[in-house]
PDB file of N, CA and C in Angstrom:
ATOM      1  N   MET A   1       5.441  10.578  28.209  1.00  0.00           N
ATOM      2  CA  MET A   1       5.194   9.058  27.698  1.00  0.00           C
ATOM      3  C   MET A   1       6.715   8.078  27.476  1.00  0.00           C
ATOM      4  N   ASP A   2       6.895   7.067  27.337  1.00  0.00           N
ATOM      5  CA  ASP A   2       8.260   6.331  27.692  1.00  0.00           C
ATOM      6  C   ASP A   2       8.426   5.948  26.198  1.00  0.00           C
ATOM      7  N   MET A   3       9.259   6.537  25.303  1.00  0.00           N
ATOM      8  CA  MET A   3       9.748   6.203  23.653  1.00  0.00           C
ATOM      9  C   MET A   3      10.461   4.932  23.526  1.00  0.00           C
ATOM     10  N   THR A   4      11.418   4.758  25.087  1.00  0.00           N
ATOM     11  CA  THR A   4      12.255   3.296  24.938  1.00  0.00           C
ATOM     12  C   THR A   4      11.836   1.836  23.718  1.00  0.00           C
ATOM     13  N   GLN A   5      10.530   1.921  23.653  1.00  0.00           N
ATOM     14  CA  GLN A   5      10.321   1.026  22.992  1.00  0.00           C
ATOM     15  C   GLN A   5      10.902   1.547  21.250  1.00  0.00           C
ATOM     16  N   TYR A   6      10.537   2.712  20.916  1.00  0.00           N
ATOM     17  CA  TYR A   6      11.207   3.224  19.822  1.00  0.00           C
ATOM     18  C   TYR A   6      12.519   3.274  19.318  1.00  0.00           C
ATOM     19  N   ALA A   7      13.386   3.607  20.683  1.00  0.00           N
ATOM     20  CA  ALA A   7      15.381   3.976  20.689  1.00  0.00           C
ATOM     21  C   ALA A   7      15.149   2.870  20.006  1.00  0.00           C
ATOM     22  N   GLY A   8      15.241   1.884  19.811  1.00  0.00           N
ATOM     23  CA  GLY A   8      16.156   0.793  19.251  1.00  0.00           C
ATOM     24  C   GLY A   8      15.865   0.745  18.277  1.00  0.00           C
ATOM     25  N   SER A   9      16.408  -0.444  17.036  1.00  0.00           N
ATOM     26  CA  SER A   9      16.110  -0.613  15.682  1.00  0.00           C
ATOM     27  C   SER A   9      15.570  -1.619  15.605  1.00  0.00           C
ATOM     28  N   GLU A  10      14.905  -2.398  16.516  1.00  0.00           N
ATOM     29  CA  GLU A  10      13.956  -3.413  16.380  1.00  0.00           C
ATOM     30  C   GLU A  10      12.934  -2.918  15.725  1.00  0.00           C
ATOM     31  N   SER A  11      12.747  -4.260  14.464  1.00  0.00           N
ATOM     32  CA  SER A  11      11.645  -3.306  13.504  1.00  0.00           C
ATOM     33  C   SER A  11      10.624  -4.845  13.307  1.00  0.00           C
ATOM     34  N   LYS A  12       9.721  -4.856  12.670  1.00  0.00           N
ATOM     35  CA  LYS A  12       9.106  -5.887  12.059  1.00  0.00           C
ATOM     36  C   LYS A  12       9.367  -6.384  11.241  1.00  0.00           C
ATOM     37  N   TYR A  13       9.935  -5.453  10.044  1.00  0.00           N
ATOM     38  CA  TYR A  13      10.534  -5.580   8.780  1.00  0.00           C
ATOM     39  C   TYR A  13      12.241  -5.609   9.167  1.00  0.00           C
ATOM     40  N   LEU A  14      12.510  -6.755   7.960  1.00  0.00           N
ATOM     41  CA  LEU A  14      13.617  -7.541   7.913  1.00  0.00           C
ATOM     42  C   LEU A  14      15.164  -6.093   7.537  1.00  0.00           C
ATOM     43  N   LYS A  15      16.456  -5.647   8.375  1.00  0.00           N
ATOM     44  CA  LYS A  15      16.825  -4.748   7.654  1.00  0.00           C
ATOM     45  C   LYS A  15      18.612  -5.438   7.512  1.00  0.00           C
ATOM     46  N   ALA A  16      19.253  -4.944   6.864  1.00  0.00           N
ATOM     47  CA  ALA A  16      20.194  -5.317   6.754  1.00  0.00           C
ATOM     48  C   ALA A  16      20.972  -5.991   7.551  1.00  0.00           C
ATOM     49  N   THR A  17      20.942  -5.069   9.074  1.00  0.00           N
ATOM     50  CA  THR A  17      21.476  -5.223  10.343  1.00  0.00           C
ATOM     51  C   THR A  17      21.323  -7.050  10.510  1.00  0.00           C
ATOM     52  N   ASP A  18      20.357  -7.127  10.280  1.00  0.00           N
ATOM     53  CA  ASP A  18      19.985  -8.325  10.818  1.00  0.00           C
ATOM     54  C   ASP A  18      20.290 -10.170  10.023  1.00  0.00           C
ATOM     55  N   LEU A  19      20.652  -9.611   9.004  1.00  0.00           N
ATOM     56  CA  LEU A  19      21.433 -10.896   8.603  1.00  0.00           C
ATOM     57  C   LEU A  19      22.971 -10.836   8.896  1.00  0.00           C
ATOM     58  N   ASN A  20      23.533 -10.239   9.715  1.00  0.00           N
ATOM     59  CA  ASN A  20      25.079 -10.214  10.107  1.00  0.00           C
ATOM     60  C   ASN A  20      26.000 -10.413   8.981  1.00  0.00           C
ATOM     61  N   GLY A  21      26.158  -9.601   8.109  1.00  0.00           N
ATOM     62  CA  GLY A  21      26.996  -9.688   6.831  1.00  0.00           C
ATOM     63  C   GLY A  21      26.668 -11.251   6.157  1.00  0.00           C
ATOM     64  N   LYS A  22      26.116 -12.269   6.413  1.00  0.00           N
ATOM     65  CA  LYS A  22      25.884 -13.426   6.173  1.00  0.00           C
ATOM     66  C   LYS A  22      24.272 -13.950   4.878  1.00  0.00           C
ATOM     67  N   ARG A  23      24.939 -14.774   4.053  1.00  0.00           N
ATOM     68  CA  ARG A  23      23.511 -15.041   2.864  1.00  0.00           C
ATOM     69  C   ARG A  23      22.885 -15.549   3.700  1.00  0.00           C
ATOM     70  N   THR A  24      21.547 -16.083   3.277  1.00  0.00           N
ATOM     71  CA  THR A  24      20.588 -16.961   3.400  1.00  0.00           C
ATOM     72  C   THR A  24      19.538 -17.566   2.625  1.00  0.00           C
ATOM     73  N   ARG A  25      18.933 -18.411   2.417  1.00  0.00           N
ATOM     74  CA  ARG A  25      18.512 -19.104   1.507  1.00  0.00           C
ATOM     75  C   ARG A  25      16.720 -18.986   2.189  1.00  0.00           C
ATOM     76  N   CYS A  26      15.701 -18.393   1.197  1.00  0.00           N
ATOM     77  CA  CYS A  26      14.237 -18.055   2.320  1.00  0.00           C
ATOM     78  C   CYS A  26      13.337 -18.828   1.203  1.00  0.00           C
ATOM     79  N   VAL A  27      12.345 -19.253   1.453  1.00  0.00           N
ATOM     80  CA  VAL A  27      10.903 -19.549   0.485  1.00  0.00           C
ATOM     81  C   VAL A  27       9.751 -18.824   1.000  1.00  0.00           C
ATOM     82  N   ILE A  28       9.465 -17.917  -0.296  1.00  0.00           N
ATOM     83  CA  ILE A  28       8.443 -16.783   0.166  1.00  0.00           C
ATOM     84  C   ILE A  28       7.293 -17.282   0.686  1.00  0.00           C
ATOM     85  N   SER A  29       6.731 -17.097   1.476  1.00  0.00           N
ATOM     86  CA  SER A  29       4.923 -17.659   1.975  1.00  0.00           C
ATOM     87  C   SER A  29       4.414 -16.952   2.198  1.00  0.00           C
ATOM     88  N   GLY A  30       4.292 -15.392   1.579  1.00  0.00           N
ATOM     89  CA  GLY A  30       3.239 -14.757   1.656  1.00  0.00           C
ATOM     90  C   GLY A  30       3.441 -13.273   0.689  1.00  0.00           C
ATOM     91  N   VAL A  31       2.663 -12.458   0.392  1.00  0.00           N
ATOM     92  CA  VAL A  31       3.341 -11.190  -0.192  1.00  0.00           C
ATOM     93  C   VAL A  31       1.991  -9.626   0.650  1.00  0.00           C
ATOM     94  N   GLU A  32       1.867  -9.025   1.015  1.00  0.00           N
ATOM     95  CA  GLU A  32       0.985  -7.827   1.265  1.00  0.00           C
ATOM     96  C   GLU A  32       1.689  -6.695   0.870  1.00  0.00           C
ATOM     97  N   LEU A  33       0.772  -5.610   0.024  1.00  0.00           N
ATOM     98  CA  LEU A  33       1.162  -4.347   0.923  1.00  0.00           C
ATOM     99  C   LEU A  33       1.055  -3.533   1.759  1.00  0.00           C
ATOM    100  N   VAL A  34       2.449  -2.900   2.145  1.00  0.00           N
ATOM    101  CA  VAL A  34       2.472  -2.083   3.620  1.00  0.00           C
ATOM    102  C   VAL A  34       2.157  -0.467   2.918  1.00  0.00           C
ATOM    103  N   GLU A  35       1.881  -0.114   4.000  1.00  0.00           N
ATOM    104  CA  GLU A  35       1.813   1.967   3.170  1.00  0.00           C
ATOM    105  C   GLU A  35       2.982   2.372   4.616  1.00  0.00           C
ATOM    106  N   PHE A  36       3.196   2.942   3.680  1.00  0.00           N
ATOM    107  CA  PHE A  36       4.793   3.941   4.615  1.00  0.00           C
ATOM    108  C   PHE A  36       3.948   5.207   4.494  1.00  0.00           C
ATOM    109  N   GLU A  37       4.355   6.314   5.801  1.00  0.00           N
ATOM    110  CA  GLU A  37       4.015   7.728   5.355  1.00  0.00           C
ATOM    111  C   GLU A  37       5.627   8.454   4.922  1.00  0.00           C
ATOM    112  N   ARG A  38       5.654   9.071   3.890  1.00  0.00           N
ATOM    113  CA  ARG A  38       7.046   9.758   3.532  1.00  0.00           C
ATOM    114  C   ARG A  38       7.341  11.152   4.475  1.00  0.00           C
ATOM    115  N   ASP A  39       8.698  11.884   5.025  1.00  0.00           N
ATOM    116  CA  ASP A  39       8.706  12.656   5.258  1.00  0.00           C
ATOM    117  C   ASP A  39       7.369  13.951   4.712  1.00  0.00           C
ATOM    118  N   ASP A  40       7.527  13.781   4.073  1.00  0.00           N
ATOM    119  CA  ASP A  40       6.345  14.824   3.096  1.00  0.00           C
ATOM    120  C   ASP A  40       5.097  14.748   3.785  1.00  0.00           C
ATOM    121  N   GLY A  41       4.686  13.920   3.927  1.00  0.00           N
ATOM    122  CA  GLY A  41       3.567  13.355   4.251  1.00  0.00           C
ATOM    123  C   GLY A  41       2.462  12.414   3.529  1.00  0.00           C
ATOM    124  N   ARG A  42       3.275  12.733   2.227  1.00  0.00           N
ATOM    125  CA  ARG A  42       2.544  11.434   1.377  1.00  0.00           C
ATOM    126  C   ARG A  42       2.746  10.147   1.601  1.00  0.00           C
ATOM    127  N   LYS A  43       1.864   9.320   1.182  1.00  0.00           N
ATOM    128  CA  LYS A  43       2.336   7.693   1.878  1.00  0.00           C
ATOM    129  C   LYS A  43       2.294   7.034   0.101  1.00  0.00           C
ATOM    130  N   ASP A  44       3.325   5.875   0.838  1.00  0.00           N
ATOM    131  CA  ASP A  44       3.810   4.893  -0.466  1.00  0.00           C
ATOM    132  C   ASP A  44       3.528   3.744  -0.034  1.00  0.00           C
ATOM    133  N   LYS A  45       3.248   2.798  -0.956  1.00  0.00           N
ATOM    134  CA  LYS A  45       2.911   1.613  -0.826  1.00  0.00           C
ATOM    135  C   LYS A  45       3.956   0.720  -1.578  1.00  0.00           C
ATOM    136  N   LYS A  46       4.151  -0.373  -0.699  1.00  0.00           N
ATOM    137  CA  LYS A  46       5.266  -1.164  -0.959  1.00  0.00           C
ATOM    138  C   LYS A  46       5.200  -2.619  -0.595  1.00  0.00           C
ATOM    139  N   PRO A  47       5.709  -3.597  -1.586  1.00  0.00           N
ATOM    140  CA  PRO A  47       5.015  -5.196  -1.275  1.00  0.00           C
ATOM    141  C   PRO A  47       6.415  -5.231  -0.042  1.00  0.00           C
ATOM    142  N   ALA A  48       5.819  -6.191   1.146  1.00  0.00           N
ATOM    143  CA  ALA A  48       6.425  -6.876   1.896  1.00  0.00           C
ATOM    144  C   ALA A  48       6.497  -8.205   1.697  1.00  0.00           C
ATOM    145  N   ILE A  49       7.561  -9.091   1.639  1.00  0.00           N
ATOM    146  CA  ILE A  49       7.635 -10.351   1.325  1.00  0.00           C
ATOM    147  C   ILE A  49       7.713 -11.195   2.754  1.00  0.00           C
ATOM    148  N   ALA A  50       6.925 -12.438   2.541  1.00  0.00           N
ATOM    149  CA  ALA A  50       7.173 -12.759   4.245  1.00  0.00           C
ATOM    150  C   ALA A  50       7.688 -14.522   4.067  1.00  0.00           C
ATOM    151  N   PHE A  51       7.789 -14.900   4.481  1.00  0.00           N
ATOM    152  CA  PHE A  51       9.414 -16.097   4.671  1.00  0.00           C
ATOM    153  C   PHE A  51       9.104 -17.262   5.483  1.00  0.00           C
ATOM    154  N   ASN A  52       9.105 -18.504   5.012  1.00  0.00           N
ATOM    155  CA  ASN A  52       8.648 -19.815   5.859  1.00  0.00           C
ATOM    156  C   ASN A  52       9.591 -19.504   7.112  1.00  0.00           C
ATOM    157  N   GLY A  53       8.986 -19.678   7.988  1.00  0.00           N
ATOM    158  CA  GLY A  53      10.356 -20.003   9.419  1.00  0.00           C
ATOM    159  C   GLY A  53      10.831 -18.565   9.755  1.00  0.00           C
ATOM    160  N   LYS A  54      10.012 -17.602   9.122  1.00  0.00           N
ATOM    161  CA  LYS A  54      10.910 -16.462   9.489  1.00  0.00           C
ATOM    162  C   LYS A  54      10.012 -15.647  10.360  1.00  0.00           C
ATOM    163  N   GLU A  55      10.259 -14.795  11.514  1.00  0.00           N
ATOM    164  CA  GLU A  55       9.248 -13.365  11.977  1.00  0.00           C
ATOM    165  C   GLU A  55       9.372 -12.717  11.203  1.00  0.00           C
ATOM    166  N   LYS A  56      10.469 -12.124  10.611  1.00  0.00           N
ATOM    167  CA  LYS A  56      10.389 -10.259   9.765  1.00  0.00           C
ATOM    168  C   LYS A  56       9.681 -10.863   8.259  1.00  0.00           C
ATOM    169  N   ALA A  57       9.508 -10.092   7.706  1.00  0.00           N
ATOM    170  CA  ALA A  57       9.375  -9.879   6.617  1.00  0.00           C
ATOM    171  C   ALA A  57      10.206  -8.471   5.905  1.00  0.00           C
ATOM    172  N   MET A  58      10.119  -8.793   4.462  1.00  0.00           N
ATOM    173  CA  MET A  58      11.101  -7.814   3.969  1.00  0.00           C
ATOM    174  C   MET A  58      10.464  -6.667   3.013  1.00  0.00           C
ATOM    175  N   VAL A  59      10.519  -5.740   3.550  1.00  0.00           N
ATOM    176  CA  VAL A  59       9.834  -4.191   2.603  1.00  0.00           C
ATOM    177  C   VAL A  59      10.780  -4.534   0.944  1.00  0.00           C
ATOM    178  N   CYS A  60      10.069  -4.924   0.224  1.00  0.00           N
ATOM    179  CA  CYS A  60      10.975  -5.022  -1.221  1.00  0.00           C
ATOM    180  C   CYS A  60      10.967  -2.993  -1.753  1.00  0.00           C
ATOM    181  N   ASN A  61      12.583  -2.879  -2.305  1.00  0.00           N
ATOM    182  CA  ASN A  61      12.245  -1.388  -3.559  1.00  0.00           C
ATOM    183  C   ASN A  61      11.966  -1.813  -4.032  1.00  0.00           C
ATOM    184  N   PRO A  62      11.894  -1.097  -5.476  1.00  0.00           N
ATOM    185  CA  PRO A  62      12.048  -1.102  -6.834  1.00  0.00           C
ATOM    186  C   PRO A  62      12.705  -2.325  -7.362  1.00  0.00           C
ATOM    187  N   THR A  63      14.079  -2.128  -7.021  1.00  0.00           N
ATOM    188  CA  THR A  63      14.675  -3.625  -7.425  1.00  0.00           C
ATOM    189  C   THR A  63      14.473  -4.727  -7.073  1.00  0.00           C
ATOM    190  N   SER A  64      14.484  -4.758  -5.947  1.00  0.00           N
ATOM    191  CA  SER A  64      13.972  -5.995  -5.328  1.00  0.00           C
ATOM    192  C   SER A  64      12.555  -6.465  -6.180  1.00  0.00           C
ATOM    193  N   THR A  65      11.887  -5.807  -6.296  1.00  0.00           N
ATOM    194  CA  THR A  65      10.511  -5.892  -6.809  1.00  0.00           C
ATOM    195  C   THR A  65      10.521  -6.616  -8.348  1.00  0.00           C
ATOM    196  N   SER A  66      11.553  -5.585  -9.322  1.00  0.00           N
ATOM    197  CA  SER A  66      11.856  -5.854 -10.668  1.00  0.00           C
ATOM    198  C   SER A  66      11.947  -7.546 -10.684  1.00  0.00           C
ATOM    199  N   ALA A  67      13.190  -7.706  -9.716  1.00  0.00           N
ATOM    200  CA  ALA A  67      13.805  -9.101 -10.192  1.00  0.00           C
ATOM    201  C   ALA A  67      12.962 -10.504 -10.110  1.00  0.00           C
ATOM    202  N   LEU A  68      12.030  -9.827  -8.662  1.00  0.00           N
ATOM    203  CA  LEU A  68      11.214 -10.978  -8.427  1.00  0.00           C
ATOM    204  C   LEU A  68       9.942 -10.758  -9.826  1.00  0.00           C
ATOM    205  N   ASN A  69       9.826 -10.003 -10.258  1.00  0.00           N
ATOM    206  CA  ASN A  69       8.589  -9.874 -11.295  1.00  0.00           C
ATOM    207  C   ASN A  69       9.563 -10.486 -12.440  1.00  0.00           C
ATOM    208  N   ASP A  70      10.645 -10.440 -13.028  1.00  0.00           N
ATOM    209  CA  ASP A  70      11.512 -11.064 -14.007  1.00  0.00           C
ATOM    210  C   ASP A  70      11.327 -12.512 -13.770  1.00  0.00           C
ATOM    211  N   ALA A  71      12.363 -12.854 -12.665  1.00  0.00           N
ATOM    212  CA  ALA A  71      11.659 -14.317 -12.356  1.00  0.00           C
ATOM    213  C   ALA A  71      10.358 -15.536 -12.367  1.00  0.00           C
ATOM    214  N   PHE A  72       9.541 -14.583 -11.255  1.00  0.00           N
ATOM    215  CA  PHE A  72       8.635 -15.655 -11.045  1.00  0.00           C
ATOM    216  C   PHE A  72       7.097 -15.316 -11.449  1.00  0.00           C
ATOM    217  N   GLY A  73       7.476 -14.035 -12.641  1.00  0.00           N
ATOM    218  CA  GLY A  73       5.990 -13.507 -13.027  1.00  0.00           C
ATOM    219  C   GLY A  73       5.364 -11.818 -12.146  1.00  0.00           C
ATOM    220  N   THR A  74       4.250 -11.490 -12.733  1.00  0.00           N
ATOM    221  CA  THR A  74       4.456 -10.158 -12.500  1.00  0.00           C
ATOM    222  C   THR A  74       2.898 -10.275 -11.346  1.00  0.00           C
ATOM    223  N   ASP A  75       2.433 -11.360 -10.951  1.00  0.00           N
ATOM    224  CA  ASP A  75       1.687 -11.817 -10.492  1.00  0.00           C
ATOM    225  C   ASP A  75       2.329 -12.386  -8.988  1.00  0.00           C
ATOM    226  N   SER A  76       2.086 -11.239  -8.174  1.00  0.00           N
ATOM    227  CA  SER A  76       2.766 -11.608  -6.393  1.00  0.00           C
ATOM    228  C   SER A  76       2.090 -13.296  -5.981  1.00  0.00           C
ATOM    229  N   GLU A  77       0.982 -13.514  -6.389  1.00  0.00           N
ATOM    230  CA  GLU A  77       0.577 -14.854  -5.625  1.00  0.00           C
ATOM    231  C   GLU A  77       1.370 -15.718  -6.208  1.00  0.00           C
ATOM    232  N   ASP A  78       2.048 -15.687  -7.419  1.00  0.00           N
ATOM    233  CA  ASP A  78       3.037 -16.676  -8.185  1.00  0.00           C
ATOM    234  C   ASP A  78       4.049 -16.792  -7.625  1.00  0.00           C
ATOM    235  N   TRP A  79       4.646 -15.728  -6.494  1.00  0.00           N
ATOM    236  CA  TRP A  79       5.978 -15.855  -6.173  1.00  0.00           C
ATOM    237  C   TRP A  79       6.107 -16.770  -4.815  1.00  0.00           C
ATOM    238  N   VAL A  80       4.360 -16.912  -4.458  1.00  0.00           N
ATOM    239  CA  VAL A  80       4.578 -17.999  -2.836  1.00  0.00           C
ATOM    240  C   VAL A  80       5.069 -19.495  -3.392  1.00  0.00           C
ATOM    241  N   GLY A  81       6.100 -19.741  -2.771  1.00  0.00           N
ATOM    242  CA  GLY A  81       6.766 -20.993  -2.425  1.00  0.00           C
ATOM    243  C   GLY A  81       7.894 -21.106  -3.137  1.00  0.00           C
ATOM    244  N   HIS A  82       8.382 -19.520  -4.212  1.00  0.00           N
ATOM    245  CA  HIS A  82       9.987 -19.711  -4.809  1.00  0.00           C
ATOM    246  C   HIS A  82      10.788 -19.374  -3.631  1.00  0.00           C
ATOM    247  N   GLU A  83      12.069 -19.975  -4.281  1.00  0.00           N
ATOM    248  CA  GLU A  83      13.244 -19.321  -2.950  1.00  0.00           C
ATOM    249  C   GLU A  83      13.883 -18.227  -3.356  1.00  0.00           C
ATOM    250  N   VAL A  84      13.996 -17.558  -2.731  1.00  0.00           N
ATOM    251  CA  VAL A  84      15.353 -16.673  -2.660  1.00  0.00           C
ATOM    252  C   VAL A  84      16.459 -16.568  -2.171  1.00  0.00           C
ATOM    253  N   GLU A  85      17.316 -15.715  -2.694  1.00  0.00           N
ATOM    254  CA  GLU A  85      18.603 -15.768  -1.622  1.00  0.00           C
ATOM    255  C   GLU A  85      18.377 -14.186  -1.162  1.00  0.00           C
ATOM    256  N   LEU A  86      18.763 -13.764   0.294  1.00  0.00           N
ATOM    257  CA  LEU A  86      18.773 -12.685   0.901  1.00  0.00           C
ATOM    258  C   LEU A  86      20.414 -12.095   1.362  1.00  0.00           C
ATOM    259  N   SER A  87      20.864 -11.165   1.163  1.00  0.00           N
ATOM    260  CA  SER A  87      22.618 -10.676   1.238  1.00  0.00           C
ATOM    261  C   SER A  87      21.872  -9.506   1.624  1.00  0.00           C
ATOM    262  N   THR A  88      23.430  -9.031   1.623  1.00  0.00           N
ATOM    263  CA  THR A  88      23.531  -7.076   2.018  1.00  0.00           C
ATOM    264  C   THR A  88      24.356  -6.721   0.881  1.00  0.00           C
ATOM    265  N   LYS A  89      24.735  -5.179   1.184  1.00  0.00           N
ATOM    266  CA  LYS A  89      25.330  -4.691   0.221  1.00  0.00           C
ATOM    267  C   LYS A  89      25.637  -3.462   0.913  1.00  0.00           C
ATOM    268  N   HIS A  90      26.843  -2.759   0.381  1.00  0.00           N
ATOM    269  CA  HIS A  90      27.068  -1.438   1.343  1.00  0.00           C
ATOM    270  C   HIS A  90      26.788  -0.841  -0.209  1.00  0.00           C
ATOM    271  N   TYR A  91      26.246   0.803  -0.296  1.00  0.00           N
ATOM    272  CA  TYR A  91      25.769   1.540  -0.624  1.00  0.00           C
ATOM    273  C   TYR A  91      26.673   2.758  -0.360  1.00  0.00           C
ATOM    274  N   ALA A  92      27.886   2.899  -1.119  1.00  0.00           N
ATOM    275  CA  ALA A  92      28.663   4.007  -0.580  1.00  0.00           C
ATOM    276  C   ALA A  92      27.766   5.422  -0.992  1.00  0.00           C
ATOM    277  N   THR A  93      26.927   5.545  -2.041  1.00  0.00           N
ATOM    278  CA  THR A  93      26.287   6.857  -1.816  1.00  0.00           C
ATOM    279  C   THR A  93      25.222   7.085  -1.019  1.00  0.00           C
ATOM    280  N   LEU A  94      24.593   5.784   0.069  1.00  0.00           N
ATOM    281  CA  LEU A  94      23.699   6.363   1.213  1.00  0.00           C
ATOM    282  C   LEU A  94      24.363   6.158   2.243  1.00  0.00           C
ATOM    283  N   GLY A  95      25.829   5.876   2.426  1.00  0.00           N
ATOM    284  CA  GLY A  95      26.702   5.506   3.357  1.00  0.00           C
ATOM    285  C   GLY A  95      26.010   4.682   4.378  1.00  0.00           C
ATOM    286  N   LYS A  96      25.246   3.553   3.579  1.00  0.00           N
ATOM    287  CA  LYS A  96      25.219   1.702   4.587  1.00  0.00           C
ATOM    288  C   LYS A  96      24.732   0.982   3.820  1.00  0.00           C
ATOM    289  N   ASP A  97      24.221   0.053   4.138  1.00  0.00           N
ATOM    290  CA  ASP A  97      24.290  -1.413   4.033  1.00  0.00           C
ATOM    291  C   ASP A  97      22.680  -1.365   3.210  1.00  0.00           C
ATOM    292  N   GLY A  98      22.581  -2.561   2.570  1.00  0.00           N
ATOM    293  CA  GLY A  98      21.680  -2.382   2.458  1.00  0.00           C
ATOM    294  C   GLY A  98      21.119  -3.884   1.650  1.00  0.00           C
ATOM    295  N   LEU A  99      19.642  -4.449   1.764  1.00  0.00           N
ATOM    296  CA  LEU A  99      19.408  -5.884   1.761  1.00  0.00           C
ATOM    297  C   LEU A  99      19.186  -5.976   0.056  1.00  0.00           C
ATOM    298  N   VAL A 100      19.792  -7.705  -0.597  1.00  0.00           N
ATOM    299  CA  VAL A 100      19.686  -7.623  -1.775  1.00  0.00           C
ATOM    300  C   VAL A 100      18.721  -8.908  -1.863  1.00  0.00           C
ATOM    301  N   LEU A 101      18.206  -8.890  -2.669  1.00  0.00           N
ATOM    302  CA  LEU A 101      17.663 -10.164  -2.624  1.00  0.00           C
ATOM    303  C   LEU A 101      17.754 -10.518  -4.096  1.00  0.00           C
ATOM    304  N   THR A 102      17.698 -11.917  -4.528  1.00  0.00           N
ATOM    305  CA  THR A 102      18.240 -12.730  -5.389  1.00  0.00           C
ATOM    306  C   THR A 102      17.359 -14.098  -5.560  1.00  0.00           C
ATOM    307  N   PRO A 103      16.593 -13.762  -6.859  1.00  0.00           N
ATOM    308  CA  PRO A 103      15.841 -14.678  -6.868  1.00  0.00           C
ATOM    309  C   PRO A 103      16.634 -16.707  -7.417  1.00  0.00           C
ATOM    310  N   ILE A 104      16.046 -17.083  -6.546  1.00  0.00           N
ATOM    311  CA  ILE A 104      16.595 -18.593  -6.930  1.00  0.00           C
ATOM    312  C   ILE A 104      15.724 -19.139  -8.255  1.00  0.00           C
ATOM    313  N   GLY A 105      16.230 -19.550  -9.173  1.00  0.00           N
ATOM    314  CA  GLY A 105      15.151 -20.565  -9.937  1.00  0.00           C
ATOM    315  C   GLY A 105      14.524 -19.151 -11.009  1.00  0.00           C
ATOM    316  N   GLY A 106      13.181 -19.808 -11.330  1.00  0.00           N
ATOM    317  CA  GLY A 106      12.573 -18.634 -11.899  1.00  0.00           C
ATOM    318  C   GLY A 106      12.078 -19.220 -13.512  1.00  0.00           C
ATOM    319  N   LYS A 107      11.451 -18.005 -14.089  1.00  0.00           N
ATOM    320  CA  LYS A 107      11.433 -18.387 -15.323  1.00  0.00           C
ATOM    321  C   LYS A 107      12.807 -18.674 -16.336  1.00  0.00           C
ATOM    322  N   GLU A 108      12.966 -19.365 -17.015  1.00  0.00           N
ATOM    323  CA  GLU A 108      14.196 -19.862 -17.624  1.00  0.00           C
ATOM    324  C   GLU A 108      13.984 -19.087 -19.155  1.00  0.00           C
ATOM    325  N   THR A 109      15.403 -18.319 -19.440  1.00  0.00           N
ATOM    326  CA  THR A 109      15.943 -17.725 -20.476  1.00  0.00           C
ATOM    327  C   THR A 109      16.099 -18.428 -21.699  1.00  0.00           C
ATOM    328  N   GLU A 110      14.936 -18.062 -22.626  1.00  0.00           N
ATOM    329  CA  GLU A 110      15.787 -18.595 -23.883  1.00  0.00           C
ATOM    330  C   GLU A 110      16.961 -17.560 -24.931  1.00  0.00           C
ATOM    331  N   LEU A 111      17.812 -18.446 -25.217  1.00  0.00           N
ATOM    332  CA  LEU A 111      18.838 -17.548 -26.184  1.00  0.00           C
ATOM    333  C   LEU A 111      18.001 -17.961 -27.482  1.00  0.00           C
ATOM    334  N   ASP A 112      18.147 -16.530 -27.928  1.00  0.00           N
ATOM    335  CA  ASP A 112      17.787 -16.352 -29.292  1.00  0.00           C
ATOM    336  C   ASP A 112      19.264 -15.970 -30.497  1.00  0.00           C
ATOM    337  N   ASP A 113      19.601 -17.330 -31.059  1.00  0.00           N
ATOM    338  CA  ASP A 113      20.442 -17.353 -31.913  1.00  0.00           C
ATOM    339  C   ASP A 113      20.192 -16.360 -33.284  1.00  0.00           C
ATOM    340  N   ASP A 114      18.984 -15.615 -33.310  1.00  0.00           N
ATOM    341  CA  ASP A 114      18.764 -14.777 -34.730  1.00  0.00           C
ATOM    342  C   ASP A 114      19.482 -13.434 -33.756  1.00  0.00           C
ATOM    343  N   ILE A 115      20.021 -13.017 -33.034  1.00  0.00           N
ATOM    344  CA  ILE A 115      20.058 -11.703 -32.540  1.00  0.00           C
ATOM    345  C   ILE A 115      21.601 -11.038 -33.608  1.00  0.00           C
ATOM    346  N   PRO A 116      21.077  -9.898 -34.568  1.00  0.00           N
ATOM    347  CA  PRO A 116      22.159  -9.465 -35.432  1.00  0.00           C
ATOM    348  C   PRO A 116      23.474  -8.984 -34.334  1.00  0.00           C
ATOM    349  N   PHE A 117      24.424  -8.944 -34.581  1.00  0.00           N
ATOM    350  CA  PHE A 117      25.292  -8.186 -34.282  1.00  0.00           C
ATOM    351  C   PHE A 117      26.982  -8.653 -35.205  1.00  0.00           C
TER     352      PHE A 117
END
């Protein structure tokens, strides 16, 4: 069986190398759950974020998912139409670059003058 198609880093999901070290702003066009099999055989479901005009979706890690929840609410349907910035960061502990998703706008944070300190 020819395995050439599996040898490259081509994926239908966005990777840090796809950004070539640049930042980009994108508008979320949809969210779906995708299933991945772990090395131990168990399966994980993660949200995959699609963007207007982009071929690849981004699979969200817990940090990105929390950032989207905080900014746009916990219902993924409410994320659609919102803008995010995508960038990369080198993670020394992993020995590689990873994607960073930063929501643009979102819920306004109220200042509480009554915080005692």
